[in-house]
Amino acid sequence: NTLDWRQRSLHIETYNESFSTRVI
């Protein structure tokens, strides 16, 4: 989570840790 109070924005990046070689 990247929260920027100045720009008033929250960007959320999510990726899987389980089975990362089989499913992305």
PDBML (XML) file of the C-alpha atoms, coordinates in Angstrom:
<?xml version="1.0" encoding="UTF-8" ?>
<PDBx:datablock datablockName="MODEL"
   xmlns:PDBx="http://pdbml.pdb.org/schema/pdbx-v50.xsd"
   xmlns:xsi="http://www.w3.org/2001/XMLSchema-instance"
   xsi:schemaLocation="http://pdbml.pdb.org/schema/pdbx-v50.xsd pdbx-v50.xsd">
   <PDBx:atom_siteCategory>
      <PDBx:atom_site id="1">
         <PDBx:B_iso_or_equiv>0.00</PDBx:B_iso_or_equiv>
         <PDBx:Cartn_x>0.000</PDBx:Cartn_x>
         <PDBx:Cartn_y>0.000</PDBx:Cartn_y>
         <PDBx:Cartn_z>0.000</PDBx:Cartn_z>
         <PDBx:auth_asym_id>A</PDBx:auth_asym_id>
         <PDBx:auth_atom_id>CA</PDBx:auth_atom_id>
         <PDBx:auth_comp_id>ASN</PDBx:auth_comp_id>
         <PDBx:auth_seq_id>1</PDBx:auth_seq_id>
         <PDBx:group_PDB>ATOM</PDBx:group_PDB>
         <PDBx:label_alt_id xsi:nil="true" />
         <PDBx:label_asym_id>A</PDBx:label_asym_id>
         <PDBx:label_atom_id>CA</PDBx:label_atom_id>
         <PDBx:label_comp_id>ASN</PDBx:label_comp_id>
         <PDBx:label_entity_id>1</PDBx:label_entity_id>
         <PDBx:label_seq_id>1</PDBx:label_seq_id>
         <PDBx:occupancy>1.00</PDBx:occupancy>
         <PDBx:pdbx_PDB_model_num>1</PDBx:pdbx_PDB_model_num>
         <PDBx:type_symbol>C</PDBx:type_symbol>
      </PDBx:atom_site>
      <PDBx:atom_site id="2">
         <PDBx:B_iso_or_equiv>0.00</PDBx:B_iso_or_equiv>
         <PDBx:Cartn_x>1.401</PDBx:Cartn_x>
         <PDBx:Cartn_y>3.380</PDBx:Cartn_y>
         <PDBx:Cartn_z>-1.047</PDBx:Cartn_z>
         <PDBx:auth_asym_id>A</PDBx:auth_asym_id>
         <PDBx:auth_atom_id>CA</PDBx:auth_atom_id>
         <PDBx:auth_comp_id>THR</PDBx:auth_comp_id>
         <PDBx:auth_seq_id>2</PDBx:auth_seq_id>
         <PDBx:group_PDB>ATOM</PDBx:group_PDB>
         <PDBx:label_alt_id xsi:nil="true" />
         <PDBx:label_asym_id>A</PDBx:label_asym_id>
         <PDBx:label_atom_id>CA</PDBx:label_atom_id>
         <PDBx:label_comp_id>THR</PDBx:label_comp_id>
         <PDBx:label_entity_id>1</PDBx:label_entity_id>
         <PDBx:label_seq_id>2</PDBx:label_seq_id>
         <PDBx:occupancy>1.00</PDBx:occupancy>
         <PDBx:pdbx_PDB_model_num>1</PDBx:pdbx_PDB_model_num>
         <PDBx:type_symbol>C</PDBx:type_symbol>
      </PDBx:atom_site>
      <PDBx:atom_site id="3">
         <PDBx:B_iso_or_equiv>0.00</PDBx:B_iso_or_equiv>
         <PDBx:Cartn_x>-0.477</PDBx:Cartn_x>
         <PDBx:Cartn_y>6.199</PDBx:Cartn_y>
         <PDBx:Cartn_z>0.670</PDBx:Cartn_z>
         <PDBx:auth_asym_id>A</PDBx:auth_asym_id>
         <PDBx:auth_atom_id>CA</PDBx:auth_atom_id>
         <PDBx:auth_comp_id>LEU</PDBx:auth_comp_id>
         <PDBx:auth_seq_id>3</PDBx:auth_seq_id>
         <PDBx:group_PDB>ATOM</PDBx:group_PDB>
         <PDBx:label_alt_id xsi:nil="true" />
         <PDBx:label_asym_id>A</PDBx:label_asym_id>
         <PDBx:label_atom_id>CA</PDBx:label_atom_id>
         <PDBx:label_comp_id>LEU</PDBx:label_comp_id>
         <PDBx:label_entity_id>1</PDBx:label_entity_id>
         <PDBx:label_seq_id>3</PDBx:label_seq_id>
         <PDBx:occupancy>1.00</PDBx:occupancy>
         <PDBx:pdbx_PDB_model_num>1</PDBx:pdbx_PDB_model_num>
         <PDBx:type_symbol>C</PDBx:type_symbol>
      </PDBx:atom_site>
      <PDBx:atom_site id="4">
         <PDBx:B_iso_or_equiv>0.00</PDBx:B_iso_or_equiv>
         <PDBx:Cartn_x>0.187</PDBx:Cartn_x>
         <PDBx:Cartn_y>9.777</PDBx:Cartn_y>
         <PDBx:Cartn_z>-0.441</PDBx:Cartn_z>
         <PDBx:auth_asym_id>A</PDBx:auth_asym_id>
         <PDBx:auth_atom_id>CA</PDBx:auth_atom_id>
         <PDBx:auth_comp_id>ASP</PDBx:auth_comp_id>
         <PDBx:auth_seq_id>4</PDBx:auth_seq_id>
         <PDBx:group_PDB>ATOM</PDBx:group_PDB>
         <PDBx:label_alt_id xsi:nil="true" />
         <PDBx:label_asym_id>A</PDBx:label_asym_id>
         <PDBx:label_atom_id>CA</PDBx:label_atom_id>
         <PDBx:label_comp_id>ASP</PDBx:label_comp_id>
         <PDBx:label_entity_id>1</PDBx:label_entity_id>
         <PDBx:label_seq_id>4</PDBx:label_seq_id>
         <PDBx:occupancy>1.00</PDBx:occupancy>
         <PDBx:pdbx_PDB_model_num>1</PDBx:pdbx_PDB_model_num>
         <PDBx:type_symbol>C</PDBx:type_symbol>
      </PDBx:atom_site>
      <PDBx:atom_site id="5">
         <PDBx:B_iso_or_equiv>0.00</PDBx:B_iso_or_equiv>
         <PDBx:Cartn_x>-1.497</PDBx:Cartn_x>
         <PDBx:Cartn_y>12.342</PDBx:Cartn_y>
         <PDBx:Cartn_z>1.799</PDBx:Cartn_z>
         <PDBx:auth_asym_id>A</PDBx:auth_asym_id>
         <PDBx:auth_atom_id>CA</PDBx:auth_atom_id>
         <PDBx:auth_comp_id>TRP</PDBx:auth_comp_id>
         <PDBx:auth_seq_id>5</PDBx:auth_seq_id>
         <PDBx:group_PDB>ATOM</PDBx:group_PDB>
         <PDBx:label_alt_id xsi:nil="true" />
         <PDBx:label_asym_id>A</PDBx:label_asym_id>
         <PDBx:label_atom_id>CA</PDBx:label_atom_id>
         <PDBx:label_comp_id>TRP</PDBx:label_comp_id>
         <PDBx:label_entity_id>1</PDBx:label_entity_id>
         <PDBx:label_seq_id>5</PDBx:label_seq_id>
         <PDBx:occupancy>1.00</PDBx:occupancy>
         <PDBx:pdbx_PDB_model_num>1</PDBx:pdbx_PDB_model_num>
         <PDBx:type_symbol>C</PDBx:type_symbol>
      </PDBx:atom_site>
      <PDBx:atom_site id="6">
         <PDBx:B_iso_or_equiv>0.00</PDBx:B_iso_or_equiv>
         <PDBx:Cartn_x>-0.277</PDBx:Cartn_x>
         <PDBx:Cartn_y>15.239</PDBx:Cartn_y>
         <PDBx:Cartn_z>-0.296</PDBx:Cartn_z>
         <PDBx:auth_asym_id>A</PDBx:auth_asym_id>
         <PDBx:auth_atom_id>CA</PDBx:auth_atom_id>
         <PDBx:auth_comp_id>ARG</PDBx:auth_comp_id>
         <PDBx:auth_seq_id>6</PDBx:auth_seq_id>
         <PDBx:group_PDB>ATOM</PDBx:group_PDB>
         <PDBx:label_alt_id xsi:nil="true" />
         <PDBx:label_asym_id>A</PDBx:label_asym_id>
         <PDBx:label_atom_id>CA</PDBx:label_atom_id>
         <PDBx:label_comp_id>ARG</PDBx:label_comp_id>
         <PDBx:label_entity_id>1</PDBx:label_entity_id>
         <PDBx:label_seq_id>6</PDBx:label_seq_id>
         <PDBx:occupancy>1.00</PDBx:occupancy>
         <PDBx:pdbx_PDB_model_num>1</PDBx:pdbx_PDB_model_num>
         <PDBx:type_symbol>C</PDBx:type_symbol>
      </PDBx:atom_site>
      <PDBx:atom_site id="7">
         <PDBx:B_iso_or_equiv>0.00</PDBx:B_iso_or_equiv>
         <PDBx:Cartn_x>-1.801</PDBx:Cartn_x>
         <PDBx:Cartn_y>13.888</PDBx:Cartn_y>
         <PDBx:Cartn_z>-3.506</PDBx:Cartn_z>
         <PDBx:auth_asym_id>A</PDBx:auth_asym_id>
         <PDBx:auth_atom_id>CA</PDBx:auth_atom_id>
         <PDBx:auth_comp_id>GLN</PDBx:auth_comp_id>
         <PDBx:auth_seq_id>7</PDBx:auth_seq_id>
         <PDBx:group_PDB>ATOM</PDBx:group_PDB>
         <PDBx:label_alt_id xsi:nil="true" />
         <PDBx:label_asym_id>A</PDBx:label_asym_id>
         <PDBx:label_atom_id>CA</PDBx:label_atom_id>
         <PDBx:label_comp_id>GLN</PDBx:label_comp_id>
         <PDBx:label_entity_id>1</PDBx:label_entity_id>
         <PDBx:label_seq_id>7</PDBx:label_seq_id>
         <PDBx:occupancy>1.00</PDBx:occupancy>
         <PDBx:pdbx_PDB_model_num>1</PDBx:pdbx_PDB_model_num>
         <PDBx:type_symbol>C</PDBx:type_symbol>
      </PDBx:atom_site>
      <PDBx:atom_site id="8">
         <PDBx:B_iso_or_equiv>0.00</PDBx:B_iso_or_equiv>
         <PDBx:Cartn_x>-4.639</PDBx:Cartn_x>
         <PDBx:Cartn_y>12.291</PDBx:Cartn_y>
         <PDBx:Cartn_z>-1.530</PDBx:Cartn_z>
         <PDBx:auth_asym_id>A</PDBx:auth_asym_id>
         <PDBx:auth_atom_id>CA</PDBx:auth_atom_id>
         <PDBx:auth_comp_id>ARG</PDBx:auth_comp_id>
         <PDBx:auth_seq_id>8</PDBx:auth_seq_id>
         <PDBx:group_PDB>ATOM</PDBx:group_PDB>
         <PDBx:label_alt_id xsi:nil="true" />
         <PDBx:label_asym_id>A</PDBx:label_asym_id>
         <PDBx:label_atom_id>CA</PDBx:label_atom_id>
         <PDBx:label_comp_id>ARG</PDBx:label_comp_id>
         <PDBx:label_entity_id>1</PDBx:label_entity_id>
         <PDBx:label_seq_id>8</PDBx:label_seq_id>
         <PDBx:occupancy>1.00</PDBx:occupancy>
         <PDBx:pdbx_PDB_model_num>1</PDBx:pdbx_PDB_model_num>
         <PDBx:type_symbol>C</PDBx:type_symbol>
      </PDBx:atom_site>
      <PDBx:atom_site id="9">
         <PDBx:B_iso_or_equiv>0.00</PDBx:B_iso_or_equiv>
         <PDBx:Cartn_x>-4.237</PDBx:Cartn_x>
         <PDBx:Cartn_y>8.886</PDBx:Cartn_y>
         <PDBx:Cartn_z>-3.163</PDBx:Cartn_z>
         <PDBx:auth_asym_id>A</PDBx:auth_asym_id>
         <PDBx:auth_atom_id>CA</PDBx:auth_atom_id>
         <PDBx:auth_comp_id>SER</PDBx:auth_comp_id>
         <PDBx:auth_seq_id>9</PDBx:auth_seq_id>
         <PDBx:group_PDB>ATOM</PDBx:group_PDB>
         <PDBx:label_alt_id xsi:nil="true" />
         <PDBx:label_asym_id>A</PDBx:label_asym_id>
         <PDBx:label_atom_id>CA</PDBx:label_atom_id>
         <PDBx:label_comp_id>SER</PDBx:label_comp_id>
         <PDBx:label_entity_id>1</PDBx:label_entity_id>
         <PDBx:label_seq_id>9</PDBx:label_seq_id>
         <PDBx:occupancy>1.00</PDBx:occupancy>
         <PDBx:pdbx_PDB_model_num>1</PDBx:pdbx_PDB_model_num>
         <PDBx:type_symbol>C</PDBx:type_symbol>
      </PDBx:atom_site>
      <PDBx:atom_site id="10">
         <PDBx:B_iso_or_equiv>0.00</PDBx:B_iso_or_equiv>
         <PDBx:Cartn_x>-3.780</PDBx:Cartn_x>
         <PDBx:Cartn_y>5.280</PDBx:Cartn_y>
         <PDBx:Cartn_z>-2.117</PDBx:Cartn_z>
         <PDBx:auth_asym_id>A</PDBx:auth_asym_id>
         <PDBx:auth_atom_id>CA</PDBx:auth_atom_id>
         <PDBx:auth_comp_id>LEU</PDBx:auth_comp_id>
         <PDBx:auth_seq_id>10</PDBx:auth_seq_id>
         <PDBx:group_PDB>ATOM</PDBx:group_PDB>
         <PDBx:label_alt_id xsi:nil="true" />
         <PDBx:label_asym_id>A</PDBx:label_asym_id>
         <PDBx:label_atom_id>CA</PDBx:label_atom_id>
         <PDBx:label_comp_id>LEU</PDBx:label_comp_id>
         <PDBx:label_entity_id>1</PDBx:label_entity_id>
         <PDBx:label_seq_id>10</PDBx:label_seq_id>
         <PDBx:occupancy>1.00</PDBx:occupancy>
         <PDBx:pdbx_PDB_model_num>1</PDBx:pdbx_PDB_model_num>
         <PDBx:type_symbol>C</PDBx:type_symbol>
      </PDBx:atom_site>
      <PDBx:atom_site id="11">
         <PDBx:B_iso_or_equiv>0.00</PDBx:B_iso_or_equiv>
         <PDBx:Cartn_x>-2.373</PDBx:Cartn_x>
         <PDBx:Cartn_y>2.728</PDBx:Cartn_y>
         <PDBx:Cartn_z>-4.562</PDBx:Cartn_z>
         <PDBx:auth_asym_id>A</PDBx:auth_asym_id>
         <PDBx:auth_atom_id>CA</PDBx:auth_atom_id>
         <PDBx:auth_comp_id>HIS</PDBx:auth_comp_id>
         <PDBx:auth_seq_id>11</PDBx:auth_seq_id>
         <PDBx:group_PDB>ATOM</PDBx:group_PDB>
         <PDBx:label_alt_id xsi:nil="true" />
         <PDBx:label_asym_id>A</PDBx:label_asym_id>
         <PDBx:label_atom_id>CA</PDBx:label_atom_id>
         <PDBx:label_comp_id>HIS</PDBx:label_comp_id>
         <PDBx:label_entity_id>1</PDBx:label_entity_id>
         <PDBx:label_seq_id>11</PDBx:label_seq_id>
         <PDBx:occupancy>1.00</PDBx:occupancy>
         <PDBx:pdbx_PDB_model_num>1</PDBx:pdbx_PDB_model_num>
         <PDBx:type_symbol>C</PDBx:type_symbol>
      </PDBx:atom_site>
      <PDBx:atom_site id="12">
         <PDBx:B_iso_or_equiv>0.00</PDBx:B_iso_or_equiv>
         <PDBx:Cartn_x>-2.551</PDBx:Cartn_x>
         <PDBx:Cartn_y>-0.957</PDBx:Cartn_y>
         <PDBx:Cartn_z>-3.670</PDBx:Cartn_z>
         <PDBx:auth_asym_id>A</PDBx:auth_asym_id>
         <PDBx:auth_atom_id>CA</PDBx:auth_atom_id>
         <PDBx:auth_comp_id>ILE</PDBx:auth_comp_id>
         <PDBx:auth_seq_id>12</PDBx:auth_seq_id>
         <PDBx:group_PDB>ATOM</PDBx:group_PDB>
         <PDBx:label_alt_id xsi:nil="true" />
         <PDBx:label_asym_id>A</PDBx:label_asym_id>
         <PDBx:label_atom_id>CA</PDBx:label_atom_id>
         <PDBx:label_comp_id>ILE</PDBx:label_comp_id>
         <PDBx:label_entity_id>1</PDBx:label_entity_id>
         <PDBx:label_seq_id>12</PDBx:label_seq_id>
         <PDBx:occupancy>1.00</PDBx:occupancy>
         <PDBx:pdbx_PDB_model_num>1</PDBx:pdbx_PDB_model_num>
         <PDBx:type_symbol>C</PDBx:type_symbol>
      </PDBx:atom_site>
      <PDBx:atom_site id="13">
         <PDBx:B_iso_or_equiv>0.00</PDBx:B_iso_or_equiv>
         <PDBx:Cartn_x>-0.458</PDBx:Cartn_x>
         <PDBx:Cartn_y>-3.599</PDBx:Cartn_y>
         <PDBx:Cartn_z>-5.458</PDBx:Cartn_z>
         <PDBx:auth_asym_id>A</PDBx:auth_asym_id>
         <PDBx:auth_atom_id>CA</PDBx:auth_atom_id>
         <PDBx:auth_comp_id>GLU</PDBx:auth_comp_id>
         <PDBx:auth_seq_id>13</PDBx:auth_seq_id>
         <PDBx:group_PDB>ATOM</PDBx:group_PDB>
         <PDBx:label_alt_id xsi:nil="true" />
         <PDBx:label_asym_id>A</PDBx:label_asym_id>
         <PDBx:label_atom_id>CA</PDBx:label_atom_id>
         <PDBx:label_comp_id>GLU</PDBx:label_comp_id>
         <PDBx:label_entity_id>1</PDBx:label_entity_id>
         <PDBx:label_seq_id>13</PDBx:label_seq_id>
         <PDBx:occupancy>1.00</PDBx:occupancy>
         <PDBx:pdbx_PDB_model_num>1</PDBx:pdbx_PDB_model_num>
         <PDBx:type_symbol>C</PDBx:type_symbol>
      </PDBx:atom_site>
      <PDBx:atom_site id="14">
         <PDBx:B_iso_or_equiv>0.00</PDBx:B_iso_or_equiv>
         <PDBx:Cartn_x>-1.159</PDBx:Cartn_x>
         <PDBx:Cartn_y>-7.257</PDBx:Cartn_y>
         <PDBx:Cartn_z>-4.646</PDBx:Cartn_z>
         <PDBx:auth_asym_id>A</PDBx:auth_asym_id>
         <PDBx:auth_atom_id>CA</PDBx:auth_atom_id>
         <PDBx:auth_comp_id>THR</PDBx:auth_comp_id>
         <PDBx:auth_seq_id>14</PDBx:auth_seq_id>
         <PDBx:group_PDB>ATOM</PDBx:group_PDB>
         <PDBx:label_alt_id xsi:nil="true" />
         <PDBx:label_asym_id>A</PDBx:label_asym_id>
         <PDBx:label_atom_id>CA</PDBx:label_atom_id>
         <PDBx:label_comp_id>THR</PDBx:label_comp_id>
         <PDBx:label_entity_id>1</PDBx:label_entity_id>
         <PDBx:label_seq_id>14</PDBx:label_seq_id>
         <PDBx:occupancy>1.00</PDBx:occupancy>
         <PDBx:pdbx_PDB_model_num>1</PDBx:pdbx_PDB_model_num>
         <PDBx:type_symbol>C</PDBx:type_symbol>
      </PDBx:atom_site>
      <PDBx:atom_site id="15">
         <PDBx:B_iso_or_equiv>0.00</PDBx:B_iso_or_equiv>
         <PDBx:Cartn_x>0.420</PDBx:Cartn_x>
         <PDBx:Cartn_y>-10.477</PDBx:Cartn_y>
         <PDBx:Cartn_z>-5.918</PDBx:Cartn_z>
         <PDBx:auth_asym_id>A</PDBx:auth_asym_id>
         <PDBx:auth_atom_id>CA</PDBx:auth_atom_id>
         <PDBx:auth_comp_id>TYR</PDBx:auth_comp_id>
         <PDBx:auth_seq_id>15</PDBx:auth_seq_id>
         <PDBx:group_PDB>ATOM</PDBx:group_PDB>
         <PDBx:label_alt_id xsi:nil="true" />
         <PDBx:label_asym_id>A</PDBx:label_asym_id>
         <PDBx:label_atom_id>CA</PDBx:label_atom_id>
         <PDBx:label_comp_id>TYR</PDBx:label_comp_id>
         <PDBx:label_entity_id>1</PDBx:label_entity_id>
         <PDBx:label_seq_id>15</PDBx:label_seq_id>
         <PDBx:occupancy>1.00</PDBx:occupancy>
         <PDBx:pdbx_PDB_model_num>1</PDBx:pdbx_PDB_model_num>
         <PDBx:type_symbol>C</PDBx:type_symbol>
      </PDBx:atom_site>
      <PDBx:atom_site id="16">
         <PDBx:B_iso_or_equiv>0.00</PDBx:B_iso_or_equiv>
         <PDBx:Cartn_x>0.271</PDBx:Cartn_x>
         <PDBx:Cartn_y>-14.126</PDBx:Cartn_y>
         <PDBx:Cartn_z>-4.872</PDBx:Cartn_z>
         <PDBx:auth_asym_id>A</PDBx:auth_asym_id>
         <PDBx:auth_atom_id>CA</PDBx:auth_atom_id>
         <PDBx:auth_comp_id>ASN</PDBx:auth_comp_id>
         <PDBx:auth_seq_id>16</PDBx:auth_seq_id>
         <PDBx:group_PDB>ATOM</PDBx:group_PDB>
         <PDBx:label_alt_id xsi:nil="true" />
         <PDBx:label_asym_id>A</PDBx:label_asym_id>
         <PDBx:label_atom_id>CA</PDBx:label_atom_id>
         <PDBx:label_comp_id>ASN</PDBx:label_comp_id>
         <PDBx:label_entity_id>1</PDBx:label_entity_id>
         <PDBx:label_seq_id>16</PDBx:label_seq_id>
         <PDBx:occupancy>1.00</PDBx:occupancy>
         <PDBx:pdbx_PDB_model_num>1</PDBx:pdbx_PDB_model_num>
         <PDBx:type_symbol>C</PDBx:type_symbol>
      </PDBx:atom_site>
      <PDBx:atom_site id="17">
         <PDBx:B_iso_or_equiv>0.00</PDBx:B_iso_or_equiv>
         <PDBx:Cartn_x>3.038</PDBx:Cartn_x>
         <PDBx:Cartn_y>-15.738</PDBx:Cartn_y>
         <PDBx:Cartn_z>-2.867</PDBx:Cartn_z>
         <PDBx:auth_asym_id>A</PDBx:auth_asym_id>
         <PDBx:auth_atom_id>CA</PDBx:auth_atom_id>
         <PDBx:auth_comp_id>GLU</PDBx:auth_comp_id>
         <PDBx:auth_seq_id>17</PDBx:auth_seq_id>
         <PDBx:group_PDB>ATOM</PDBx:group_PDB>
         <PDBx:label_alt_id xsi:nil="true" />
         <PDBx:label_asym_id>A</PDBx:label_asym_id>
         <PDBx:label_atom_id>CA</PDBx:label_atom_id>
         <PDBx:label_comp_id>GLU</PDBx:label_comp_id>
         <PDBx:label_entity_id>1</PDBx:label_entity_id>
         <PDBx:label_seq_id>17</PDBx:label_seq_id>
         <PDBx:occupancy>1.00</PDBx:occupancy>
         <PDBx:pdbx_PDB_model_num>1</PDBx:pdbx_PDB_model_num>
         <PDBx:type_symbol>C</PDBx:type_symbol>
      </PDBx:atom_site>
      <PDBx:atom_site id="18">
         <PDBx:B_iso_or_equiv>0.00</PDBx:B_iso_or_equiv>
         <PDBx:Cartn_x>1.511</PDBx:Cartn_x>
         <PDBx:Cartn_y>-19.238</PDBx:Cartn_y>
         <PDBx:Cartn_z>-2.888</PDBx:Cartn_z>
         <PDBx:auth_asym_id>A</PDBx:auth_asym_id>
         <PDBx:auth_atom_id>CA</PDBx:auth_atom_id>
         <PDBx:auth_comp_id>SER</PDBx:auth_comp_id>
         <PDBx:auth_seq_id>18</PDBx:auth_seq_id>
         <PDBx:group_PDB>ATOM</PDBx:group_PDB>
         <PDBx:label_alt_id xsi:nil="true" />
         <PDBx:label_asym_id>A</PDBx:label_asym_id>
         <PDBx:label_atom_id>CA</PDBx:label_atom_id>
         <PDBx:label_comp_id>SER</PDBx:label_comp_id>
         <PDBx:label_entity_id>1</PDBx:label_entity_id>
         <PDBx:label_seq_id>18</PDBx:label_seq_id>
         <PDBx:occupancy>1.00</PDBx:occupancy>
         <PDBx:pdbx_PDB_model_num>1</PDBx:pdbx_PDB_model_num>
         <PDBx:type_symbol>C</PDBx:type_symbol>
      </PDBx:atom_site>
      <PDBx:atom_site id="19">
         <PDBx:B_iso_or_equiv>0.00</PDBx:B_iso_or_equiv>
         <PDBx:Cartn_x>1.971</PDBx:Cartn_x>
         <PDBx:Cartn_y>-21.278</PDBx:Cartn_y>
         <PDBx:Cartn_z>-6.101</PDBx:Cartn_z>
         <PDBx:auth_asym_id>A</PDBx:auth_asym_id>
         <PDBx:auth_atom_id>CA</PDBx:auth_atom_id>
         <PDBx:auth_comp_id>PHE</PDBx:auth_comp_id>
         <PDBx:auth_seq_id>19</PDBx:auth_seq_id>
         <PDBx:group_PDB>ATOM</PDBx:group_PDB>
         <PDBx:label_alt_id xsi:nil="true" />
         <PDBx:label_asym_id>A</PDBx:label_asym_id>
         <PDBx:label_atom_id>CA</PDBx:label_atom_id>
         <PDBx:label_comp_id>PHE</PDBx:label_comp_id>
         <PDBx:label_entity_id>1</PDBx:label_entity_id>
         <PDBx:label_seq_id>19</PDBx:label_seq_id>
         <PDBx:occupancy>1.00</PDBx:occupancy>
         <PDBx:pdbx_PDB_model_num>1</PDBx:pdbx_PDB_model_num>
         <PDBx:type_symbol>C</PDBx:type_symbol>
      </PDBx:atom_site>
      <PDBx:atom_site id="20">
         <PDBx:B_iso_or_equiv>0.00</PDBx:B_iso_or_equiv>
         <PDBx:Cartn_x>3.701</PDBx:Cartn_x>
         <PDBx:Cartn_y>-18.335</PDBx:Cartn_y>
         <PDBx:Cartn_z>-7.774</PDBx:Cartn_z>
         <PDBx:auth_asym_id>A</PDBx:auth_asym_id>
         <PDBx:auth_atom_id>CA</PDBx:auth_atom_id>
         <PDBx:auth_comp_id>SER</PDBx:auth_comp_id>
         <PDBx:auth_seq_id>20</PDBx:auth_seq_id>
         <PDBx:group_PDB>ATOM</PDBx:group_PDB>
         <PDBx:label_alt_id xsi:nil="true" />
         <PDBx:label_asym_id>A</PDBx:label_asym_id>
         <PDBx:label_atom_id>CA</PDBx:label_atom_id>
         <PDBx:label_comp_id>SER</PDBx:label_comp_id>
         <PDBx:label_entity_id>1</PDBx:label_entity_id>
         <PDBx:label_seq_id>20</PDBx:label_seq_id>
         <PDBx:occupancy>1.00</PDBx:occupancy>
         <PDBx:pdbx_PDB_model_num>1</PDBx:pdbx_PDB_model_num>
         <PDBx:type_symbol>C</PDBx:type_symbol>
      </PDBx:atom_site>
      <PDBx:atom_site id="21">
         <PDBx:B_iso_or_equiv>0.00</PDBx:B_iso_or_equiv>
         <PDBx:Cartn_x>5.412</PDBx:Cartn_x>
         <PDBx:Cartn_y>-20.688</PDBx:Cartn_y>
         <PDBx:Cartn_z>-10.260</PDBx:Cartn_z>
         <PDBx:auth_asym_id>A</PDBx:auth_asym_id>
         <PDBx:auth_atom_id>CA</PDBx:auth_atom_id>
         <PDBx:auth_comp_id>THR</PDBx:auth_comp_id>
         <PDBx:auth_seq_id>21</PDBx:auth_seq_id>
         <PDBx:group_PDB>ATOM</PDBx:group_PDB>
         <PDBx:label_alt_id xsi:nil="true" />
         <PDBx:label_asym_id>A</PDBx:label_asym_id>
         <PDBx:label_atom_id>CA</PDBx:label_atom_id>
         <PDBx:label_comp_id>THR</PDBx:label_comp_id>
         <PDBx:label_entity_id>1</PDBx:label_entity_id>
         <PDBx:label_seq_id>21</PDBx:label_seq_id>
         <PDBx:occupancy>1.00</PDBx:occupancy>
         <PDBx:pdbx_PDB_model_num>1</PDBx:pdbx_PDB_model_num>
         <PDBx:type_symbol>C</PDBx:type_symbol>
      </PDBx:atom_site>
      <PDBx:atom_site id="22">
         <PDBx:B_iso_or_equiv>0.00</PDBx:B_iso_or_equiv>
         <PDBx:Cartn_x>2.067</PDBx:Cartn_x>
         <PDBx:Cartn_y>-22.182</PDBx:Cartn_y>
         <PDBx:Cartn_z>-11.308</PDBx:Cartn_z>
         <PDBx:auth_asym_id>A</PDBx:auth_asym_id>
         <PDBx:auth_atom_id>CA</PDBx:auth_atom_id>
         <PDBx:auth_comp_id>ARG</PDBx:auth_comp_id>
         <PDBx:auth_seq_id>22</PDBx:auth_seq_id>
         <PDBx:group_PDB>ATOM</PDBx:group_PDB>
         <PDBx:label_alt_id xsi:nil="true" />
         <PDBx:label_asym_id>A</PDBx:label_asym_id>
         <PDBx:label_atom_id>CA</PDBx:label_atom_id>
         <PDBx:label_comp_id>ARG</PDBx:label_comp_id>
         <PDBx:label_entity_id>1</PDBx:label_entity_id>
         <PDBx:label_seq_id>22</PDBx:label_seq_id>
         <PDBx:occupancy>1.00</PDBx:occupancy>
         <PDBx:pdbx_PDB_model_num>1</PDBx:pdbx_PDB_model_num>
         <PDBx:type_symbol>C</PDBx:type_symbol>
      </PDBx:atom_site>
      <PDBx:atom_site id="23">
         <PDBx:B_iso_or_equiv>0.00</PDBx:B_iso_or_equiv>
         <PDBx:Cartn_x>-0.316</PDBx:Cartn_x>
         <PDBx:Cartn_y>-19.230</PDBx:Cartn_y>
         <PDBx:Cartn_z>-11.080</PDBx:Cartn_z>
         <PDBx:auth_asym_id>A</PDBx:auth_asym_id>
         <PDBx:auth_atom_id>CA</PDBx:auth_atom_id>
         <PDBx:auth_comp_id>VAL</PDBx:auth_comp_id>
         <PDBx:auth_seq_id>23</PDBx:auth_seq_id>
         <PDBx:group_PDB>ATOM</PDBx:group_PDB>
         <PDBx:label_alt_id xsi:nil="true" />
         <PDBx:label_asym_id>A</PDBx:label_asym_id>
         <PDBx:label_atom_id>CA</PDBx:label_atom_id>
         <PDBx:label_comp_id>VAL</PDBx:label_comp_id>
         <PDBx:label_entity_id>1</PDBx:label_entity_id>
         <PDBx:label_seq_id>23</PDBx:label_seq_id>
         <PDBx:occupancy>1.00</PDBx:occupancy>
         <PDBx:pdbx_PDB_model_num>1</PDBx:pdbx_PDB_model_num>
         <PDBx:type_symbol>C</PDBx:type_symbol>
      </PDBx:atom_site>
      <PDBx:atom_site id="24">
         <PDBx:B_iso_or_equiv>0.00</PDBx:B_iso_or_equiv>
         <PDBx:Cartn_x>0.422</PDBx:Cartn_x>
         <PDBx:Cartn_y>-15.511</PDBx:Cartn_y>
         <PDBx:Cartn_z>-11.440</PDBx:Cartn_z>
         <PDBx:auth_asym_id>A</PDBx:auth_asym_id>
         <PDBx:auth_atom_id>CA</PDBx:auth_atom_id>
         <PDBx:auth_comp_id>ILE</PDBx:auth_comp_id>
         <PDBx:auth_seq_id>24</PDBx:auth_seq_id>
         <PDBx:group_PDB>ATOM</PDBx:group_PDB>
         <PDBx:label_alt_id xsi:nil="true" />
         <PDBx:label_asym_id>A</PDBx:label_asym_id>
         <PDBx:label_atom_id>CA</PDBx:label_atom_id>
         <PDBx:label_comp_id>ILE</PDBx:label_comp_id>
         <PDBx:label_entity_id>1</PDBx:label_entity_id>
         <PDBx:label_seq_id>24</PDBx:label_seq_id>
         <PDBx:occupancy>1.00</PDBx:occupancy>
         <PDBx:pdbx_PDB_model_num>1</PDBx:pdbx_PDB_model_num>
         <PDBx:type_symbol>C</PDBx:type_symbol>
      </PDBx:atom_site>
   </PDBx:atom_siteCategory>
</PDBx:datablock>
